[in-house]
N, C-alpha and C. Protein backbone atom coordinates (compact mmCIF):
# COMPACT_ATOMS: atom_id res chain seq x y z
N UNK A 1 9.56 10.11 -21.78
CA UNK A 1 8.88 10.06 -20.50
C UNK A 1 9.77 9.30 -19.51
N UNK A 2 9.95 9.88 -18.35
CA UNK A 2 10.75 9.24 -17.30
C UNK A 2 9.82 8.39 -16.45
N UNK A 3 10.13 7.10 -16.38
CA UNK A 3 9.35 6.19 -15.57
C UNK A 3 9.78 6.30 -14.12
N UNK A 4 8.86 6.10 -13.16
CA UNK A 4 9.20 6.29 -11.75
C UNK A 4 10.40 5.47 -11.28
N UNK A 5 10.57 4.26 -11.79
CA UNK A 5 11.68 3.44 -11.32
C UNK A 5 13.03 3.94 -11.83
N UNK A 6 13.03 4.92 -12.72
CA UNK A 6 14.27 5.50 -13.22
C UNK A 6 14.68 6.76 -12.45
N UNK A 7 13.84 7.20 -11.53
CA UNK A 7 14.22 8.33 -10.67
C UNK A 7 15.44 7.91 -9.85
N UNK A 8 16.24 8.87 -9.40
CA UNK A 8 17.35 8.52 -8.50
C UNK A 8 16.82 7.83 -7.24
N UNK A 9 17.60 6.92 -6.71
CA UNK A 9 17.16 6.12 -5.56
C UNK A 9 16.67 6.98 -4.39
N UNK A 10 17.38 8.05 -4.01
CA UNK A 10 16.86 8.87 -2.90
C UNK A 10 15.48 9.46 -3.18
N UNK A 11 15.21 9.82 -4.42
CA UNK A 11 13.89 10.35 -4.79
C UNK A 11 12.84 9.26 -4.65
N UNK A 12 13.16 8.06 -5.15
CA UNK A 12 12.21 6.95 -5.05
C UNK A 12 11.91 6.59 -3.59
N UNK A 13 12.95 6.55 -2.77
CA UNK A 13 12.76 6.26 -1.35
C UNK A 13 11.93 7.35 -0.68
N UNK A 14 12.20 8.60 -1.04
CA UNK A 14 11.43 9.71 -0.48
C UNK A 14 9.97 9.65 -0.86
N UNK A 15 9.69 9.33 -2.11
CA UNK A 15 8.30 9.23 -2.57
C UNK A 15 7.56 8.10 -1.86
N UNK A 16 8.25 6.96 -1.70
CA UNK A 16 7.60 5.83 -1.02
C UNK A 16 7.41 6.16 0.46
N UNK A 17 8.40 6.80 1.08
CA UNK A 17 8.26 7.20 2.48
C UNK A 17 7.10 8.17 2.65
N UNK A 18 6.92 9.06 1.69
CA UNK A 18 5.79 9.99 1.73
C UNK A 18 4.47 9.24 1.65
N UNK A 19 4.37 8.26 0.76
CA UNK A 19 3.15 7.45 0.64
C UNK A 19 2.87 6.71 1.95
N UNK A 20 3.91 6.15 2.55
CA UNK A 20 3.76 5.42 3.82
C UNK A 20 3.32 6.38 4.92
N UNK A 21 3.92 7.56 4.98
CA UNK A 21 3.57 8.54 6.01
C UNK A 21 2.12 9.00 5.87
N UNK A 22 1.69 9.25 4.64
CA UNK A 22 0.30 9.66 4.42
C UNK A 22 -0.66 8.56 4.87
N UNK A 23 -0.35 7.33 4.52
CA UNK A 23 -1.21 6.21 4.92
C UNK A 23 -1.21 6.05 6.43
N UNK A 24 -0.06 6.23 7.06
CA UNK A 24 0.02 6.13 8.52
C UNK A 24 -0.89 7.17 9.18
N UNK A 25 -0.80 8.41 8.73
CA UNK A 25 -1.61 9.48 9.32
C UNK A 25 -3.10 9.19 9.12
N UNK A 26 -3.46 8.75 7.93
CA UNK A 26 -4.86 8.43 7.66
C UNK A 26 -5.36 7.32 8.58
N UNK A 27 -4.50 6.34 8.84
CA UNK A 27 -4.91 5.17 9.63
C UNK A 27 -4.94 5.42 11.13
N UNK A 28 -4.19 6.40 11.62
CA UNK A 28 -4.19 6.64 13.06
C UNK A 28 -4.94 7.90 13.47
N UNK A 29 -5.34 8.71 12.50
CA UNK A 29 -6.12 9.91 12.82
C UNK A 29 -7.48 9.49 13.37
N UNK A 30 -8.02 10.29 14.27
CA UNK A 30 -9.38 9.97 14.75
C UNK A 30 -10.35 9.86 13.57
N UNK A 31 -11.13 8.81 13.57
CA UNK A 31 -11.99 8.51 12.41
C UNK A 31 -13.02 9.59 12.14
N UNK A 32 -13.45 10.32 13.17
CA UNK A 32 -14.44 11.37 12.92
C UNK A 32 -13.85 12.56 12.18
N UNK A 33 -12.51 12.64 12.09
CA UNK A 33 -11.87 13.73 11.36
C UNK A 33 -11.66 13.39 9.88
N UNK A 34 -11.99 12.17 9.49
CA UNK A 34 -11.74 11.73 8.12
C UNK A 34 -13.04 11.61 7.34
N UNK A 35 -13.03 11.96 6.08
CA UNK A 35 -14.24 11.76 5.27
C UNK A 35 -14.43 10.28 4.99
N UNK A 36 -15.65 9.88 4.82
CA UNK A 36 -15.94 8.48 4.50
C UNK A 36 -15.97 8.32 2.98
N UNK A 37 -15.41 7.21 2.52
CA UNK A 37 -15.43 6.94 1.09
C UNK A 37 -16.74 6.33 0.66
N UNK A 38 -17.50 5.86 1.63
CA UNK A 38 -18.77 5.22 1.32
C UNK A 38 -18.62 3.75 0.97
N UNK A 39 -17.38 3.28 0.87
CA UNK A 39 -17.15 1.89 0.50
C UNK A 39 -16.97 0.96 1.68
N UNK A 40 -16.87 1.51 2.87
CA UNK A 40 -16.70 0.69 4.05
C UNK A 40 -15.22 0.55 4.41
N UNK A 41 -14.99 0.25 5.68
CA UNK A 41 -13.63 0.19 6.21
C UNK A 41 -12.78 -0.89 5.53
N UNK A 42 -13.34 -2.05 5.28
CA UNK A 42 -12.56 -3.14 4.66
C UNK A 42 -12.14 -2.77 3.24
N UNK A 43 -13.06 -2.19 2.50
CA UNK A 43 -12.72 -1.75 1.14
C UNK A 43 -11.63 -0.70 1.18
N UNK A 44 -11.73 0.24 2.11
CA UNK A 44 -10.71 1.29 2.23
C UNK A 44 -9.34 0.70 2.53
N UNK A 45 -9.30 -0.28 3.43
CA UNK A 45 -8.02 -0.94 3.74
C UNK A 45 -7.47 -1.66 2.52
N UNK A 46 -8.29 -2.45 1.87
CA UNK A 46 -7.82 -3.20 0.69
C UNK A 46 -7.34 -2.23 -0.40
N UNK A 47 -8.08 -1.17 -0.63
CA UNK A 47 -7.69 -0.21 -1.67
C UNK A 47 -6.39 0.50 -1.30
N UNK A 48 -6.25 0.90 -0.04
CA UNK A 48 -5.04 1.61 0.39
C UNK A 48 -3.81 0.71 0.27
N UNK A 49 -3.93 -0.53 0.67
CA UNK A 49 -2.76 -1.43 0.60
C UNK A 49 -2.49 -1.87 -0.84
N UNK A 50 -3.51 -1.90 -1.68
CA UNK A 50 -3.29 -2.13 -3.10
C UNK A 50 -2.47 -0.99 -3.69
N UNK A 51 -2.88 0.25 -3.40
CA UNK A 51 -2.16 1.42 -3.91
C UNK A 51 -0.74 1.46 -3.36
N UNK A 52 -0.56 1.14 -2.07
CA UNK A 52 0.78 1.12 -1.49
C UNK A 52 1.67 0.09 -2.20
N UNK A 53 1.12 -1.07 -2.49
CA UNK A 53 1.89 -2.12 -3.17
C UNK A 53 2.24 -1.72 -4.59
N UNK A 54 1.27 -1.22 -5.33
CA UNK A 54 1.52 -0.79 -6.71
C UNK A 54 2.51 0.37 -6.74
N UNK A 55 2.40 1.29 -5.80
CA UNK A 55 3.35 2.41 -5.73
C UNK A 55 4.76 1.88 -5.49
N UNK A 56 4.88 0.94 -4.59
CA UNK A 56 6.19 0.34 -4.33
C UNK A 56 6.77 -0.31 -5.57
N UNK A 57 5.97 -1.07 -6.28
CA UNK A 57 6.45 -1.72 -7.51
C UNK A 57 6.78 -0.71 -8.60
N UNK A 58 6.02 0.38 -8.68
CA UNK A 58 6.31 1.41 -9.69
C UNK A 58 7.65 2.08 -9.42
N UNK A 59 7.97 2.23 -8.13
CA UNK A 59 9.21 2.90 -7.77
C UNK A 59 10.40 1.95 -7.69
N UNK A 60 10.15 0.68 -7.43
CA UNK A 60 11.24 -0.30 -7.29
C UNK A 60 10.78 -1.66 -7.80
N UNK A 61 10.64 -1.82 -9.11
CA UNK A 61 10.09 -3.07 -9.65
C UNK A 61 10.94 -4.31 -9.34
N UNK A 62 12.20 -4.12 -9.03
CA UNK A 62 13.05 -5.26 -8.72
C UNK A 62 12.86 -5.82 -7.32
N UNK A 63 12.13 -5.11 -6.50
CA UNK A 63 11.90 -5.55 -5.11
C UNK A 63 10.63 -6.39 -5.02
N UNK A 64 10.63 -7.50 -5.73
CA UNK A 64 9.41 -8.32 -5.87
C UNK A 64 8.89 -8.85 -4.55
N UNK A 65 9.77 -9.20 -3.64
CA UNK A 65 9.34 -9.75 -2.35
C UNK A 65 9.30 -8.67 -1.27
N UNK A 66 10.25 -7.75 -1.30
CA UNK A 66 10.35 -6.74 -0.24
C UNK A 66 9.12 -5.84 -0.17
N UNK A 67 8.56 -5.49 -1.32
CA UNK A 67 7.40 -4.58 -1.34
C UNK A 67 6.20 -5.20 -0.63
N UNK A 68 5.76 -6.40 -1.00
CA UNK A 68 4.59 -6.95 -0.30
C UNK A 68 4.87 -7.30 1.16
N UNK A 69 6.08 -7.76 1.46
CA UNK A 69 6.39 -8.08 2.86
C UNK A 69 6.33 -6.81 3.70
N UNK A 70 6.93 -5.72 3.21
CA UNK A 70 6.87 -4.46 3.94
C UNK A 70 5.42 -4.03 4.14
N UNK A 71 4.63 -4.10 3.08
CA UNK A 71 3.23 -3.66 3.17
C UNK A 71 2.46 -4.47 4.22
N UNK A 72 2.69 -5.77 4.27
CA UNK A 72 1.98 -6.61 5.24
C UNK A 72 2.44 -6.30 6.67
N UNK A 73 3.73 -6.14 6.86
CA UNK A 73 4.24 -5.80 8.19
C UNK A 73 3.72 -4.42 8.60
N UNK A 74 3.71 -3.49 7.68
CA UNK A 74 3.19 -2.15 7.96
C UNK A 74 1.72 -2.22 8.38
N UNK A 75 0.94 -3.06 7.71
CA UNK A 75 -0.47 -3.22 8.08
C UNK A 75 -0.63 -3.74 9.51
N UNK A 76 0.21 -4.70 9.89
CA UNK A 76 0.16 -5.22 11.26
C UNK A 76 0.59 -4.16 12.27
N UNK A 77 1.60 -3.37 11.92
CA UNK A 77 2.05 -2.29 12.80
C UNK A 77 0.95 -1.26 12.99
N UNK A 78 0.27 -0.92 11.92
CA UNK A 78 -0.84 0.04 12.01
C UNK A 78 -1.89 -0.46 12.99
N UNK A 79 -2.24 -1.72 12.90
CA UNK A 79 -3.25 -2.26 13.83
C UNK A 79 -2.75 -2.22 15.26
N UNK A 80 -1.45 -2.48 15.46
CA UNK A 80 -0.88 -2.37 16.80
C UNK A 80 -0.94 -0.95 17.34
N UNK A 81 -0.63 0.01 16.49
CA UNK A 81 -0.69 1.42 16.89
C UNK A 81 -2.13 1.81 17.21
N UNK A 82 -3.07 1.35 16.39
CA UNK A 82 -4.48 1.67 16.65
C UNK A 82 -4.94 1.08 17.98
N UNK A 83 -4.36 -0.05 18.37
CA UNK A 83 -4.76 -0.69 19.62
C UNK A 83 -4.33 0.11 20.84
N UNK A 84 -3.23 0.85 20.73
CA UNK A 84 -2.71 1.56 21.91
C UNK A 84 -2.85 3.08 21.83
N UNK A 85 -3.07 3.62 20.65
CA UNK A 85 -3.15 5.07 20.50
C UNK A 85 -4.50 5.58 21.03
N UNK A 86 -4.48 6.70 21.73
CA UNK A 86 -5.74 7.27 22.28
C UNK A 86 -6.47 8.14 21.25
N UNK A 87 -6.74 7.57 20.09
CA UNK A 87 -7.38 8.36 19.03
C UNK A 87 -8.82 7.92 18.77
N UNK A 88 -9.30 6.98 19.56
CA UNK A 88 -10.65 6.48 19.35
C UNK A 88 -10.72 5.39 18.29
N UNK A 89 -9.58 5.05 17.70
CA UNK A 89 -9.53 3.96 16.73
C UNK A 89 -9.28 2.66 17.49
N UNK A 90 -9.63 1.56 16.89
CA UNK A 90 -9.38 0.27 17.53
C UNK A 90 -8.80 -0.69 16.51
N UNK A 91 -8.02 -1.62 17.01
CA UNK A 91 -7.43 -2.65 16.15
C UNK A 91 -8.51 -3.66 15.77
N UNK A 92 -8.42 -4.15 14.55
CA UNK A 92 -9.38 -5.14 14.08
C UNK A 92 -8.64 -6.13 13.18
N UNK A 93 -8.62 -7.40 13.57
CA UNK A 93 -7.92 -8.39 12.74
C UNK A 93 -8.46 -8.47 11.31
N UNK A 94 -9.71 -8.13 11.10
CA UNK A 94 -10.26 -8.16 9.75
C UNK A 94 -9.66 -7.06 8.87
N UNK A 95 -9.16 -6.00 9.50
CA UNK A 95 -8.46 -4.98 8.73
C UNK A 95 -7.17 -5.54 8.15
N UNK A 96 -6.49 -6.39 8.92
CA UNK A 96 -5.27 -7.03 8.41
C UNK A 96 -5.62 -7.96 7.25
N UNK A 97 -6.74 -8.65 7.35
CA UNK A 97 -7.18 -9.52 6.25
C UNK A 97 -7.43 -8.67 5.00
N UNK A 98 -8.07 -7.52 5.17
CA UNK A 98 -8.30 -6.62 4.04
C UNK A 98 -6.98 -6.11 3.47
N UNK A 99 -6.01 -5.84 4.34
CA UNK A 99 -4.68 -5.44 3.88
C UNK A 99 -4.06 -6.53 3.02
N UNK A 100 -4.18 -7.77 3.46
CA UNK A 100 -3.64 -8.91 2.71
C UNK A 100 -4.30 -9.00 1.34
N UNK A 101 -5.61 -8.80 1.29
CA UNK A 101 -6.33 -8.83 0.02
C UNK A 101 -5.80 -7.73 -0.91
N UNK A 102 -5.60 -6.53 -0.38
CA UNK A 102 -5.09 -5.42 -1.19
C UNK A 102 -3.69 -5.69 -1.70
N UNK A 103 -2.82 -6.21 -0.84
CA UNK A 103 -1.45 -6.53 -1.25
C UNK A 103 -1.46 -7.65 -2.30
N UNK A 104 -2.27 -8.68 -2.07
CA UNK A 104 -2.36 -9.78 -3.04
C UNK A 104 -2.85 -9.28 -4.40
N UNK A 105 -3.81 -8.39 -4.39
CA UNK A 105 -4.30 -7.82 -5.66
C UNK A 105 -3.20 -7.02 -6.34
N UNK A 106 -2.43 -6.26 -5.57
CA UNK A 106 -1.32 -5.51 -6.14
C UNK A 106 -0.25 -6.42 -6.74
N UNK A 107 0.07 -7.49 -6.03
CA UNK A 107 1.04 -8.47 -6.55
C UNK A 107 0.50 -9.11 -7.82
N UNK A 108 -0.78 -9.46 -7.82
CA UNK A 108 -1.38 -10.09 -9.00
C UNK A 108 -1.31 -9.16 -10.21
N UNK A 109 -1.60 -7.88 -9.99
CA UNK A 109 -1.52 -6.92 -11.09
C UNK A 109 -0.09 -6.85 -11.63
N UNK A 110 0.88 -6.83 -10.75
CA UNK A 110 2.28 -6.76 -11.18
C UNK A 110 2.71 -8.03 -11.92
N UNK A 111 2.26 -9.18 -11.46
CA UNK A 111 2.59 -10.43 -12.15
C UNK A 111 2.02 -10.42 -13.56
N UNK A 112 0.78 -10.02 -13.69
CA UNK A 112 0.15 -9.96 -15.02
C UNK A 112 0.85 -8.91 -15.88
N UNK A 113 1.17 -7.76 -15.30
CA UNK A 113 1.84 -6.70 -16.06
C UNK A 113 3.22 -7.17 -16.54
N UNK A 114 3.95 -7.87 -15.70
CA UNK A 114 5.27 -8.38 -16.10
C UNK A 114 5.13 -9.44 -17.20
N UNK A 115 4.05 -10.19 -17.16
CA UNK A 115 3.83 -11.21 -18.18
C UNK A 115 3.42 -10.57 -19.50
N UNK A 116 2.58 -9.53 -19.43
CA UNK A 116 2.09 -8.88 -20.64
C UNK A 116 3.10 -7.94 -21.28
N UNK A 117 3.93 -7.29 -20.49
CA UNK A 117 4.81 -6.24 -21.01
C UNK A 117 5.68 -6.69 -22.18
N UNK A 118 6.36 -7.84 -22.11
CA UNK A 118 7.17 -8.25 -23.27
C UNK A 118 6.32 -8.49 -24.52
N UNK A 119 5.12 -8.99 -24.34
CA UNK A 119 4.24 -9.26 -25.46
C UNK A 119 3.75 -7.97 -26.11
N UNK A 120 3.47 -6.96 -25.29
CA UNK A 120 3.01 -5.67 -25.80
C UNK A 120 4.15 -4.98 -26.56
N UNK A 121 5.35 -5.06 -26.01
CA UNK A 121 6.48 -4.39 -26.66
C UNK A 121 6.81 -5.01 -28.01
N UNK A 122 6.58 -6.33 -28.16
CA UNK A 122 6.88 -6.99 -29.46
C UNK A 122 5.82 -6.68 -30.49
N UNK A 123 4.62 -6.38 -30.06
CA UNK A 123 3.50 -6.16 -30.99
C UNK A 123 3.63 -4.87 -31.74
């Protein structure tokens, strides 16, 4: 089985760029054009940034700091775009807080996974 971090670098960058582009479109599209998850906006933000962080780590596990920093900056940029884009969306500082929660959860999962992985392999 080929693990994602073993893909050639251009493929990994392309996959991550695709994930970022999809998230960007979802976040700036008019909200009435998007289905509701039923979990609420904050949950959706936290879940999306969790997935973005985990995807980044799966594709580039050595980028321990770059992945969460990029995700947090991207979250702030999204809120800035929502503030000026004429799509009916609005910026909300609590969305950034939800993004931070999602990124922190993703980092926590990776820390635990890195701690457990050597123990699982020895067993």
